[in-house]
Amino acid sequence: MNPGLTFATAGRVLRQVRTDHRTIALIIVVPCVLLGLLAWIYTGTPVFDRIGPALLGVFPMVVMFIVTSVATLRERQSGTLERLLTTPMGKGDFMIGYAVGFGLLAVVQAVVATGFAVWVCDLDVAGPLWLLVVVAVADAVLGTALGLLASGFARTEFQAVQFMPAFILPQFLLCGLLIPRELLPPLLEWISNLLPLSYAVDAMKEITRNTDPFSAVAGDLGIVLGFIVGALALASLTLSRRSA
């Protein structure tokens, strides 16, 4: 892997997104709107404090999955990826470059969404806010990695979006947001232990209810990072130069 080519790819991603106002709105504005809507719905109840932290992990992951999978597919359909891979750039440079580029966008997204949830929606957080941001960034990068993986199996943008239920919905249902994971039927609890979003949600919950969450969060965050590395590795193996 060539660091220069990797960062050149990341820079190209950021330049493309800068000129796409709809993508910027999807990444930055939509999570805040959804969090604000939920806070409004549950005004005067403790529900938002219970589910808000988990959604700070879910929303970035979903948004970055959609943006990344569609953007990567466009690169293939336009022939840009095929031209890039005829240069010294390898698939690893492309994958890591995309992860870095969208990871930087994820930092902005996580800071804005966390600040909005805490200071506008009055989300109660016992632990350090910076750690909440770190986990939110990891969740967004996880969405990027899964989006890159899903794009390898899609042939059209519609198909890329269709993969979201397969990659995201099972994790949403089993991550502990709707019901505590320990109350799931044994088989579903076992499956939830294999899904990265479960650990991201566990980390978010730990931060909001514990003033000293570092030891518990470190383990969950390590598992999420492991899934990111694994997804990027698989994505580099399944990435094709162009759509059939």
C-alpha atoms as a PDB file:
ATOM      1  CA  MET A   1       0.000   0.000   0.000  1.00  0.00           C
ATOM      2  CA  ASN A   2       1.287   3.459  -0.966  1.00  0.00           C
ATOM      3  CA  PRO A   3       0.465   6.186   1.624  1.00  0.00           C
ATOM      4  CA  GLY A   4       0.711   8.921  -1.016  1.00  0.00           C
ATOM      5  CA  LEU A   5      -1.876   7.237  -3.244  1.00  0.00           C
ATOM      6  CA  THR A   6      -4.074   6.488  -0.246  1.00  0.00           C
ATOM      7  CA  PHE A   7      -4.180  10.119   0.880  1.00  0.00           C
ATOM      8  CA  ALA A   8      -4.633  11.281  -2.715  1.00  0.00           C
ATOM      9  CA  THR A   9      -7.738   9.098  -2.894  1.00  0.00           C
ATOM     10  CA  ALA A  10      -8.993  10.513   0.414  1.00  0.00           C
ATOM     11  CA  GLY A  11      -8.462  14.049  -0.903  1.00  0.00           C
ATOM     12  CA  ARG A  12     -10.381  13.273  -4.089  1.00  0.00           C
ATOM     13  CA  VAL A  13     -13.293  11.923  -2.026  1.00  0.00           C
ATOM     14  CA  LEU A  14     -13.408  15.093   0.066  1.00  0.00           C
ATOM     15  CA  ARG A  15     -13.293  17.336  -3.019  1.00  0.00           C
ATOM     16  CA  GLN A  16     -16.164  15.432  -4.607  1.00  0.00           C
ATOM     17  CA  VAL A  17     -18.310  15.628  -1.478  1.00  0.00           C
ATOM     18  CA  ARG A  18     -17.579  19.342  -1.040  1.00  0.00           C
ATOM     19  CA  THR A  19     -19.375  20.103  -4.316  1.00  0.00           C
ATOM     20  CA  ASP A  20     -22.329  17.793  -3.550  1.00  0.00           C
ATOM     21  CA  HIS A  21     -24.603  19.738  -1.213  1.00  0.00           C
ATOM     22  CA  ARG A  22     -27.179  16.957  -0.991  1.00  0.00           C
ATOM     23  CA  THR A  23     -24.572  14.489   0.264  1.00  0.00           C
ATOM     24  CA  ILE A  24     -23.325  17.015   2.799  1.00  0.00           C
ATOM     25  CA  ALA A  25     -26.899  17.482   4.032  1.00  0.00           C
ATOM     26  CA  LEU A  26     -27.371  13.715   4.263  1.00  0.00           C
ATOM     27  CA  ILE A  27     -24.191  13.303   6.295  1.00  0.00           C
ATOM     28  CA  ILE A  28     -24.448  16.349   8.563  1.00  0.00           C
ATOM     29  CA  VAL A  29     -28.063  17.528   8.724  1.00  0.00           C
ATOM     30  CA  VAL A  30     -30.188  14.367   8.532  1.00  0.00           C
ATOM     31  CA  PRO A  31     -28.867  12.713  11.748  1.00  0.00           C
ATOM     32  CA  CYS A  32     -29.537  15.949  13.669  1.00  0.00           C
ATOM     33  CA  VAL A  33     -33.051  16.230  12.255  1.00  0.00           C
ATOM     34  CA  LEU A  34     -33.845  12.636  13.232  1.00  0.00           C
ATOM     35  CA  LEU A  35     -32.413  13.061  16.727  1.00  0.00           C
ATOM     36  CA  GLY A  36     -34.320  16.301  17.162  1.00  0.00           C
ATOM     37  CA  LEU A  37     -37.550  14.674  16.012  1.00  0.00           C
ATOM     38  CA  LEU A  38     -37.156  11.834  18.506  1.00  0.00           C
ATOM     39  CA  ALA A  39     -36.306  14.238  21.333  1.00  0.00           C
ATOM     40  CA  TRP A  40     -39.438  16.205  20.474  1.00  0.00           C
ATOM     41  CA  ILE A  41     -41.608  13.080  20.372  1.00  0.00           C
ATOM     42  CA  TYR A  42     -40.395  11.957  23.809  1.00  0.00           C
ATOM     43  CA  THR A  43     -40.374  15.382  25.469  1.00  0.00           C
ATOM     44  CA  GLY A  44     -40.961  15.066  29.216  1.00  0.00           C
ATOM     45  CA  THR A  45     -40.130  11.344  29.306  1.00  0.00           C
ATOM     46  CA  PRO A  46     -36.882   9.445  30.005  1.00  0.00           C
ATOM     47  CA  VAL A  47     -37.144   7.555  26.713  1.00  0.00           C
ATOM     48  CA  PHE A  48     -34.838   9.805  24.699  1.00  0.00           C
ATOM     49  CA  ASP A  49     -32.081   9.517  27.336  1.00  0.00           C
ATOM     50  CA  ARG A  50     -32.417   5.738  27.009  1.00  0.00           C
ATOM     51  CA  ILE A  51     -32.412   5.375  23.218  1.00  0.00           C
ATOM     52  CA  GLY A  52     -30.622   8.575  22.163  1.00  0.00           C
ATOM     53  CA  PRO A  53     -27.061   7.301  22.772  1.00  0.00           C
ATOM     54  CA  ALA A  54     -27.703   4.145  20.788  1.00  0.00           C
ATOM     55  CA  LEU A  55     -29.095   6.166  17.902  1.00  0.00           C
ATOM     56  CA  LEU A  56     -25.926   8.264  17.898  1.00  0.00           C
ATOM     57  CA  GLY A  57     -24.291   5.021  16.812  1.00  0.00           C
ATOM     58  CA  VAL A  58     -27.012   3.784  14.479  1.00  0.00           C
ATOM     59  CA  PHE A  59     -27.673   6.927  12.419  1.00  0.00           C
ATOM     60  CA  PRO A  60     -24.023   7.596  11.386  1.00  0.00           C
ATOM     61  CA  MET A  61     -23.582   3.963  10.431  1.00  0.00           C
ATOM     62  CA  VAL A  62     -26.703   3.925   8.234  1.00  0.00           C
ATOM     63  CA  VAL A  63     -25.919   7.247   6.545  1.00  0.00           C
ATOM     64  CA  MET A  64     -22.301   6.396   5.778  1.00  0.00           C
ATOM     65  CA  PHE A  65     -23.316   2.946   4.492  1.00  0.00           C
ATOM     66  CA  ILE A  66     -25.662   4.519   1.938  1.00  0.00           C
ATOM     67  CA  VAL A  67     -23.274   7.291   0.881  1.00  0.00           C
ATOM     68  CA  THR A  68     -20.240   5.026   0.538  1.00  0.00           C
ATOM     69  CA  SER A  69     -21.928   2.149  -1.282  1.00  0.00           C
ATOM     70  CA  VAL A  70     -23.512   4.479  -3.851  1.00  0.00           C
ATOM     71  CA  ALA A  71     -20.343   6.568  -4.304  1.00  0.00           C
ATOM     72  CA  THR A  72     -18.177   3.494  -4.868  1.00  0.00           C
ATOM     73  CA  LEU A  73     -20.632   2.057  -7.366  1.00  0.00           C
ATOM     74  CA  ARG A  74     -20.611   5.333  -9.300  1.00  0.00           C
ATOM     75  CA  GLU A  75     -16.815   5.084  -9.508  1.00  0.00           C
ATOM     76  CA  ARG A  76     -17.171   1.686 -11.164  1.00  0.00           C
ATOM     77  CA  GLN A  77     -20.016   2.627 -13.488  1.00  0.00           C
ATOM     78  CA  SER A  78     -18.261   5.778 -14.705  1.00  0.00           C
ATOM     79  CA  GLY A  79     -15.054   3.863 -15.401  1.00  0.00           C
ATOM     80  CA  THR A  80     -13.109   5.965 -12.892  1.00  0.00           C
ATOM     81  CA  LEU A  81     -12.164   2.959 -10.783  1.00  0.00           C
ATOM     82  CA  GLU A  82     -10.938   1.006 -13.801  1.00  0.00           C
ATOM     83  CA  ARG A  83      -8.729   3.921 -14.855  1.00  0.00           C
ATOM     84  CA  LEU A  84      -7.381   4.363 -11.316  1.00  0.00           C
ATOM     85  CA  LEU A  85      -6.467   0.690 -11.038  1.00  0.00           C
ATOM     86  CA  THR A  86      -4.426   0.860 -14.244  1.00  0.00           C
ATOM     87  CA  THR A  87      -2.104   3.218 -12.350  1.00  0.00           C
ATOM     88  CA  PRO A  88       0.173   2.082  -9.520  1.00  0.00           C
ATOM     89  CA  MET A  89      -2.827   2.438  -7.188  1.00  0.00           C
ATOM     90  CA  GLY A  90      -3.953  -0.883  -5.744  1.00  0.00           C
ATOM     91  CA  LYS A  91      -7.284  -1.947  -4.324  1.00  0.00           C
ATOM     92  CA  GLY A  92      -5.935  -1.471  -0.810  1.00  0.00           C
ATOM     93  CA  ASP A  93      -4.993   2.144  -1.573  1.00  0.00           C
ATOM     94  CA  PHE A  94      -8.496   2.761  -2.912  1.00  0.00           C
ATOM     95  CA  MET A  95     -10.238   1.131   0.054  1.00  0.00           C
ATOM     96  CA  ILE A  96      -8.153   2.785   2.749  1.00  0.00           C
ATOM     97  CA  GLY A  97      -8.345   6.119   0.924  1.00  0.00           C
ATOM     98  CA  TYR A  98     -12.130   5.938   0.897  1.00  0.00           C
ATOM     99  CA  ALA A  99     -12.153   4.929   4.563  1.00  0.00           C
ATOM    100  CA  VAL A 100      -9.899   7.877   5.467  1.00  0.00           C
ATOM    101  CA  GLY A 101     -11.889  10.373   3.380  1.00  0.00           C
ATOM    102  CA  PHE A 102     -15.258   9.351   4.715  1.00  0.00           C
ATOM    103  CA  GLY A 103     -13.724   8.867   8.160  1.00  0.00           C
ATOM    104  CA  LEU A 104     -12.842  12.570   8.229  1.00  0.00           C
ATOM    105  CA  LEU A 105     -16.410  13.375   7.239  1.00  0.00           C
ATOM    106  CA  ALA A 106     -17.530  11.030  10.016  1.00  0.00           C
ATOM    107  CA  VAL A 107     -15.583  13.096  12.542  1.00  0.00           C
ATOM    108  CA  VAL A 108     -17.496  16.211  11.519  1.00  0.00           C
ATOM    109  CA  GLN A 109     -20.767  14.286  11.523  1.00  0.00           C
ATOM    110  CA  ALA A 110     -20.128  12.801  14.974  1.00  0.00           C
ATOM    111  CA  VAL A 111     -19.118  16.135  16.525  1.00  0.00           C
ATOM    112  CA  VAL A 112     -22.173  17.935  15.110  1.00  0.00           C
ATOM    113  CA  ALA A 113     -24.648  15.139  15.978  1.00  0.00           C
ATOM    114  CA  THR A 114     -23.268  14.656  19.500  1.00  0.00           C
ATOM    115  CA  GLY A 115     -23.232  18.385  20.196  1.00  0.00           C
ATOM    116  CA  PHE A 116     -26.789  18.696  18.883  1.00  0.00           C
ATOM    117  CA  ALA A 117     -28.019  15.760  20.974  1.00  0.00           C
ATOM    118  CA  VAL A 118     -26.369  16.989  24.187  1.00  0.00           C
ATOM    119  CA  TRP A 119     -26.762  20.775  23.989  1.00  0.00           C
ATOM    120  CA  VAL A 120     -29.944  21.141  21.949  1.00  0.00           C
ATOM    121  CA  CYS A 121     -31.867  17.957  22.749  1.00  0.00           C
ATOM    122  CA  ASP A 122     -30.597  17.782  26.386  1.00  0.00           C
ATOM    123  CA  LEU A 123     -29.306  14.211  26.153  1.00  0.00           C
ATOM    124  CA  ASP A 124     -27.995  13.256  29.589  1.00  0.00           C
ATOM    125  CA  VAL A 125     -24.458  11.812  29.396  1.00  0.00           C
ATOM    126  CA  ALA A 126     -22.592  10.706  32.522  1.00  0.00           C
ATOM    127  CA  GLY A 127     -19.295   9.861  30.808  1.00  0.00           C
ATOM    128  CA  PRO A 128     -16.918  12.066  28.802  1.00  0.00           C
ATOM    129  CA  LEU A 129     -18.355  13.594  25.633  1.00  0.00           C
ATOM    130  CA  TRP A 130     -15.134  13.071  23.664  1.00  0.00           C
ATOM    131  CA  LEU A 131     -15.440   9.318  24.169  1.00  0.00           C
ATOM    132  CA  LEU A 132     -19.012   9.442  22.884  1.00  0.00           C
ATOM    133  CA  VAL A 133     -17.697  11.197  19.769  1.00  0.00           C
ATOM    134  CA  VAL A 134     -14.963   8.569  19.327  1.00  0.00           C
ATOM    135  CA  VAL A 135     -17.497   5.734  19.362  1.00  0.00           C
ATOM    136  CA  ALA A 136     -19.805   7.641  16.993  1.00  0.00           C
ATOM    137  CA  VAL A 137     -16.874   8.092  14.579  1.00  0.00           C
ATOM    138  CA  ALA A 138     -16.054   4.378  14.800  1.00  0.00           C
ATOM    139  CA  ASP A 139     -19.686   3.559  13.995  1.00  0.00           C
ATOM    140  CA  ALA A 140     -19.636   5.851  10.973  1.00  0.00           C
ATOM    141  CA  VAL A 141     -16.382   4.304   9.709  1.00  0.00           C
ATOM    142  CA  LEU A 142     -17.962   0.891  10.233  1.00  0.00           C
ATOM    143  CA  GLY A 143     -20.829   2.009   7.987  1.00  0.00           C
ATOM    144  CA  THR A 144     -18.251   3.129   5.416  1.00  0.00           C
ATOM    145  CA  ALA A 145     -16.488  -0.240   5.536  1.00  0.00           C
ATOM    146  CA  LEU A 146     -19.747  -2.165   5.207  1.00  0.00           C
ATOM    147  CA  GLY A 147     -20.808   0.134   2.354  1.00  0.00           C
ATOM    148  CA  LEU A 148     -17.573  -0.609   0.514  1.00  0.00           C
ATOM    149  CA  LEU A 149     -18.165  -4.326   1.059  1.00  0.00           C
ATOM    150  CA  ALA A 150     -21.775  -4.153  -0.146  1.00  0.00           C
ATOM    151  CA  SER A 151     -20.819  -2.167  -3.249  1.00  0.00           C
ATOM    152  CA  GLY A 152     -18.747  -5.109  -4.454  1.00  0.00           C
ATOM    153  CA  PHE A 153     -21.935  -7.175  -4.865  1.00  0.00           C
ATOM    154  CA  ALA A 154     -24.134  -4.464  -6.412  1.00  0.00           C
ATOM    155  CA  ARG A 155     -24.488  -3.695 -10.108  1.00  0.00           C
ATOM    156  CA  THR A 156     -26.719  -0.601  -9.871  1.00  0.00           C
ATOM    157  CA  GLU A 157     -27.272   2.172  -7.338  1.00  0.00           C
ATOM    158  CA  PHE A 158     -30.707   0.722  -6.619  1.00  0.00           C
ATOM    159  CA  GLN A 159     -29.127  -2.608  -5.757  1.00  0.00           C
ATOM    160  CA  ALA A 160     -26.625  -0.859  -3.497  1.00  0.00           C
ATOM    161  CA  VAL A 161     -29.471   0.707  -1.515  1.00  0.00           C
ATOM    162  CA  GLN A 162     -31.286  -2.637  -1.466  1.00  0.00           C
ATOM    163  CA  PHE A 163     -28.360  -4.171   0.413  1.00  0.00           C
ATOM    164  CA  MET A 164     -29.067  -1.899   3.380  1.00  0.00           C
ATOM    165  CA  PRO A 165     -31.806  -4.157   4.819  1.00  0.00           C
ATOM    166  CA  ALA A 166     -29.484  -7.161   4.586  1.00  0.00           C
ATOM    167  CA  PHE A 167     -26.491  -5.439   6.176  1.00  0.00           C
ATOM    168  CA  ILE A 168     -28.156  -3.003   8.589  1.00  0.00           C
ATOM    169  CA  LEU A 169     -31.690  -4.051   9.606  1.00  0.00           C
ATOM    170  CA  PRO A 170     -30.745  -7.339  11.362  1.00  0.00           C
ATOM    171  CA  GLN A 171     -28.167  -5.406  13.369  1.00  0.00           C
ATOM    172  CA  PHE A 172     -30.713  -2.700  14.223  1.00  0.00           C
ATOM    173  CA  LEU A 173     -33.230  -5.281  15.438  1.00  0.00           C
ATOM    174  CA  LEU A 174     -30.729  -7.266  17.522  1.00  0.00           C
ATOM    175  CA  CYS A 175     -28.347  -4.573  18.823  1.00  0.00           C
ATOM    176  CA  GLY A 176     -30.223  -4.026  22.087  1.00  0.00           C
ATOM    177  CA  LEU A 177     -32.040  -0.861  21.061  1.00  0.00           C
ATOM    178  CA  LEU A 178     -35.523  -2.401  20.951  1.00  0.00           C
ATOM    179  CA  ILE A 179     -35.014  -4.892  23.769  1.00  0.00           C
ATOM    180  CA  PRO A 180     -32.003  -5.666  25.998  1.00  0.00           C
ATOM    181  CA  ARG A 181     -29.873  -8.311  24.309  1.00  0.00           C
ATOM    182  CA  GLU A 182     -29.873 -10.533  27.369  1.00  0.00           C
ATOM    183  CA  LEU A 183     -33.685 -10.811  27.068  1.00  0.00           C
ATOM    184  CA  LEU A 184     -33.539 -12.083  23.491  1.00  0.00           C
ATOM    185  CA  PRO A 185     -34.193 -15.774  22.760  1.00  0.00           C
ATOM    186  CA  PRO A 186     -30.901 -17.707  23.124  1.00  0.00           C
ATOM    187  CA  LEU A 187     -30.345 -18.138  19.372  1.00  0.00           C
ATOM    188  CA  LEU A 188     -30.984 -14.454  18.636  1.00  0.00           C
ATOM    189  CA  GLU A 189     -28.738 -13.414  21.523  1.00  0.00           C
ATOM    190  CA  TRP A 190     -25.984 -15.596  20.072  1.00  0.00           C
ATOM    191  CA  ILE A 191     -26.458 -13.975  16.651  1.00  0.00           C
ATOM    192  CA  SER A 192     -26.416 -10.501  18.199  1.00  0.00           C
ATOM    193  CA  ASN A 193     -23.019 -11.328  19.701  1.00  0.00           C
ATOM    194  CA  LEU A 194     -21.701 -11.724  16.141  1.00  0.00           C
ATOM    195  CA  LEU A 195     -22.891  -8.307  14.939  1.00  0.00           C
ATOM    196  CA  PRO A 196     -20.718  -5.194  15.283  1.00  0.00           C
ATOM    197  CA  LEU A 197     -23.555  -2.749  15.958  1.00  0.00           C
ATOM    198  CA  SER A 198     -24.345  -4.638  19.183  1.00  0.00           C
ATOM    199  CA  TYR A 199     -20.965  -3.647  20.611  1.00  0.00           C
ATOM    200  CA  ALA A 200     -21.263  -0.075  19.352  1.00  0.00           C
ATOM    201  CA  VAL A 201     -24.613   0.313  21.120  1.00  0.00           C
ATOM    202  CA  ASP A 202     -23.225  -1.308  24.282  1.00  0.00           C
ATOM    203  CA  ALA A 203     -20.383   1.224  24.276  1.00  0.00           C
ATOM    204  CA  MET A 204     -22.763   4.166  23.785  1.00  0.00           C
ATOM    205  CA  LYS A 205     -24.976   3.009  26.640  1.00  0.00           C
ATOM    206  CA  GLU A 206     -21.986   2.522  28.932  1.00  0.00           C
ATOM    207  CA  ILE A 207     -20.769   6.073  28.283  1.00  0.00           C
ATOM    208  CA  THR A 208     -24.127   7.643  29.076  1.00  0.00           C
ATOM    209  CA  ARG A 209     -24.698   5.820  32.374  1.00  0.00           C
ATOM    210  CA  ASN A 210     -21.166   5.425  33.768  1.00  0.00           C
ATOM    211  CA  THR A 211     -18.803   8.227  34.800  1.00  0.00           C
ATOM    212  CA  ASP A 212     -15.790   5.914  34.328  1.00  0.00           C
ATOM    213  CA  PRO A 213     -16.635   3.789  31.264  1.00  0.00           C
ATOM    214  CA  PHE A 214     -13.145   3.389  29.786  1.00  0.00           C
ATOM    215  CA  SER A 215     -12.493  -0.303  30.510  1.00  0.00           C
ATOM    216  CA  ALA A 216     -15.861  -1.505  29.216  1.00  0.00           C
ATOM    217  CA  VAL A 217     -15.849   0.808  26.202  1.00  0.00           C
ATOM    218  CA  ALA A 218     -12.291  -0.151  25.230  1.00  0.00           C
ATOM    219  CA  GLY A 219     -13.309  -3.773  24.717  1.00  0.00           C
ATOM    220  CA  ASP A 220     -16.418  -2.918  22.710  1.00  0.00           C
ATOM    221  CA  LEU A 221     -14.529  -0.358  20.633  1.00  0.00           C
ATOM    222  CA  GLY A 222     -11.773  -2.875  19.910  1.00  0.00           C
ATOM    223  CA  ILE A 223     -14.347  -5.319  18.548  1.00  0.00           C
ATOM    224  CA  VAL A 224     -15.876  -2.624  16.325  1.00  0.00           C
ATOM    225  CA  LEU A 225     -12.424  -1.724  14.982  1.00  0.00           C
ATOM    226  CA  GLY A 226     -11.787  -5.406  14.281  1.00  0.00           C
ATOM    227  CA  PHE A 227     -14.977  -5.570  12.215  1.00  0.00           C
ATOM    228  CA  ILE A 228     -13.887  -2.438  10.314  1.00  0.00           C
ATOM    229  CA  VAL A 229     -10.546  -4.006   9.393  1.00  0.00           C
ATOM    230  CA  GLY A 230     -12.227  -7.275   8.407  1.00  0.00           C
ATOM    231  CA  ALA A 231     -14.850  -5.539   6.260  1.00  0.00           C
ATOM    232  CA  LEU A 232     -12.206  -3.458   4.454  1.00  0.00           C
ATOM    233  CA  ALA A 233     -10.111  -6.565   3.812  1.00  0.00           C
ATOM    234  CA  LEU A 234     -13.097  -8.439   2.364  1.00  0.00           C
ATOM    235  CA  ALA A 235     -14.116  -5.379   0.352  1.00  0.00           C
ATOM    236  CA  SER A 236     -10.683  -5.197  -1.272  1.00  0.00           C
ATOM    237  CA  LEU A 237     -11.022  -8.851  -2.302  1.00  0.00           C
ATOM    238  CA  THR A 238     -14.520  -8.453  -3.766  1.00  0.00           C
ATOM    239  CA  LEU A 239     -13.968  -5.069  -5.450  1.00  0.00           C
ATOM    240  CA  SER A 240     -14.349  -5.303  -9.220  1.00  0.00           C
ATOM    241  CA  ARG A 241     -13.004  -2.724 -11.661  1.00  0.00           C
ATOM    242  CA  ARG A 242     -16.371  -2.042 -13.277  1.00  0.00           C
ATOM    243  CA  SER A 243     -19.988  -3.113 -13.136  1.00  0.00           C
ATOM    244  CA  ALA A 244     -20.970  -5.975 -15.378  1.00  0.00           C
END
